[in-house]
Amino acid sequence: MKTSIVLAALGFAGFAATTAVAQIRAQGPAQGPQVQRGQAFAQAQCVGCHAIGRSGESPLRTAPPFRTLHLRYPVENLAESLAEGIMTAHPAMPQVRLEAGEIGDFIAYLKTLE
């Protein structure tokens, strides 16, 4: 009987571990603090115009979804522009200037969308 209980407990633990792994895989890559800060910045500053997640359309049609930026250029190339203040050809985009830590956070978040 003890053996049956131990085997049942091990079976349940294995099932629970398999379920947890499946849930983590479904959520996508692990998001550390840097990515979470970058996502929070995007949510606070960019979501009014850009689609900032893995799906959805940008509220402003001319604003590219963040998940497509890597198709235009390596997102790491944005670091200098973010430090100096991004300026675009259309007047609806506000000038955005980030501090060094914010730049790393934001780019780390953008990398999760590739």
Protein backbone atom coordinates (compact mmCIF):
# COMPACT_ATOMS: atom_id res chain seq x y z
CA MET A 1 0.00 0.00 0.00
CA LYS A 2 2.87 2.40 0.82
CA THR A 3 4.33 1.73 -2.61
CA SER A 4 1.01 2.58 -4.25
CA ILE A 5 0.77 5.88 -2.36
CA VAL A 6 4.36 6.81 -3.23
CA LEU A 7 3.85 5.94 -6.90
CA ALA A 8 0.59 7.92 -6.98
CA ALA A 9 2.34 10.91 -5.39
CA LEU A 10 5.20 10.71 -7.90
CA GLY A 11 2.72 10.43 -10.75
CA PHE A 12 0.85 13.53 -9.56
CA ALA A 13 4.11 15.47 -9.13
CA GLY A 14 5.14 14.51 -12.67
CA PHE A 15 1.76 15.59 -14.03
CA ALA A 16 1.97 18.92 -12.16
CA ALA A 17 5.49 19.58 -13.46
CA THR A 18 4.44 18.78 -17.04
CA THR A 19 1.44 21.11 -16.74
CA ALA A 20 3.62 23.91 -15.35
CA VAL A 21 6.12 23.55 -18.21
CA ALA A 22 3.30 23.66 -20.77
CA GLN A 23 1.94 26.86 -19.20
CA ILE A 24 5.37 28.50 -19.22
CA ARG A 25 5.88 27.56 -22.89
CA ALA A 26 2.47 28.98 -23.77
CA GLN A 27 3.39 32.30 -22.15
CA GLY A 28 6.46 32.65 -24.33
CA PRO A 29 9.98 33.53 -23.23
CA ALA A 30 10.60 34.27 -19.58
CA GLN A 31 10.34 37.93 -18.77
CA GLY A 32 12.90 39.19 -16.32
CA PRO A 33 12.77 42.56 -14.58
CA GLN A 34 14.44 44.39 -17.47
CA VAL A 35 11.83 43.17 -19.96
CA GLN A 36 9.02 43.96 -17.52
CA ARG A 37 10.28 47.54 -17.11
CA GLY A 38 10.53 47.91 -20.89
CA GLN A 39 7.00 46.62 -21.32
CA ALA A 40 5.73 48.97 -18.60
CA PHE A 41 7.39 51.89 -20.42
CA ALA A 42 5.74 50.88 -23.70
CA GLN A 43 2.39 50.52 -21.96
CA ALA A 44 2.69 53.96 -20.35
CA GLN A 45 4.20 55.91 -23.25
CA CYS A 46 3.55 54.16 -26.55
CA VAL A 47 0.27 52.24 -26.49
CA GLY A 48 -1.76 55.27 -27.54
CA CYS A 49 -0.34 55.01 -31.05
CA HIS A 50 1.53 51.69 -31.39
CA ALA A 51 0.45 48.07 -31.03
CA ILE A 52 2.95 47.05 -28.36
CA GLY A 53 2.21 43.33 -28.07
CA ARG A 54 2.42 40.19 -30.16
CA SER A 55 -0.90 40.90 -31.88
CA GLY A 56 -3.31 43.68 -32.67
CA GLU A 57 -3.32 46.75 -34.85
CA SER A 58 -1.78 50.08 -33.94
CA PRO A 59 -4.39 52.67 -32.90
CA LEU A 60 -2.64 55.14 -35.23
CA ARG A 61 -2.40 53.53 -38.67
CA THR A 62 0.93 55.18 -39.48
CA ALA A 63 2.56 53.92 -36.25
CA PRO A 64 4.22 50.56 -36.85
CA PRO A 65 3.39 47.70 -34.47
CA PHE A 66 6.39 47.07 -32.25
CA ARG A 67 6.41 43.39 -33.22
CA THR A 68 7.37 44.43 -36.78
CA LEU A 69 10.22 46.81 -35.98
CA HIS A 70 12.85 44.07 -36.24
CA LEU A 71 11.75 43.50 -39.84
CA ARG A 72 12.86 47.04 -40.72
CA TYR A 73 16.19 47.09 -38.83
CA PRO A 74 17.87 45.52 -35.81
CA VAL A 75 16.09 47.00 -32.78
CA GLU A 76 19.48 47.47 -31.10
CA ASN A 77 20.06 50.22 -33.67
CA LEU A 78 17.39 52.29 -31.89
CA ALA A 79 19.64 52.85 -28.86
CA GLU A 80 21.33 55.99 -30.18
CA SER A 81 18.08 57.50 -31.44
CA LEU A 82 16.37 56.80 -28.12
CA ALA A 83 19.23 58.49 -26.26
CA GLU A 84 19.25 61.56 -28.50
CA GLY A 85 15.50 61.78 -28.92
CA ILE A 86 13.64 59.97 -31.68
CA MET A 87 12.30 62.31 -34.30
CA THR A 88 10.25 61.02 -37.19
CA ALA A 89 8.95 62.40 -40.43
CA HIS A 90 5.40 62.73 -39.15
CA PRO A 91 4.32 65.35 -36.59
CA ALA A 92 2.08 63.00 -34.60
CA MET A 93 5.12 61.24 -33.10
CA PRO A 94 6.33 63.07 -30.00
CA GLN A 95 10.06 63.39 -29.47
CA VAL A 96 11.01 60.50 -27.19
CA ARG A 97 14.23 60.59 -25.18
CA LEU A 98 15.16 57.84 -22.74
CA GLU A 99 17.87 57.45 -20.12
CA ALA A 100 20.48 54.71 -20.55
CA GLY A 101 18.72 52.20 -18.28
CA GLU A 102 15.37 52.85 -19.92
CA ILE A 103 16.89 52.25 -23.35
CA GLY A 104 18.21 48.84 -22.31
CA ASP A 105 14.86 47.94 -20.78
CA PHE A 106 12.89 49.05 -23.83
CA ILE A 107 15.14 47.26 -26.31
CA ALA A 108 15.03 44.10 -24.16
CA TYR A 109 11.24 44.23 -24.39
CA LEU A 110 11.29 44.80 -28.15
CA LYS A 111 13.57 41.78 -28.55
CA THR A 112 10.90 39.57 -26.96
CA LEU A 113 8.55 40.49 -29.81
CA GLU A 114 10.85 39.23 -32.58
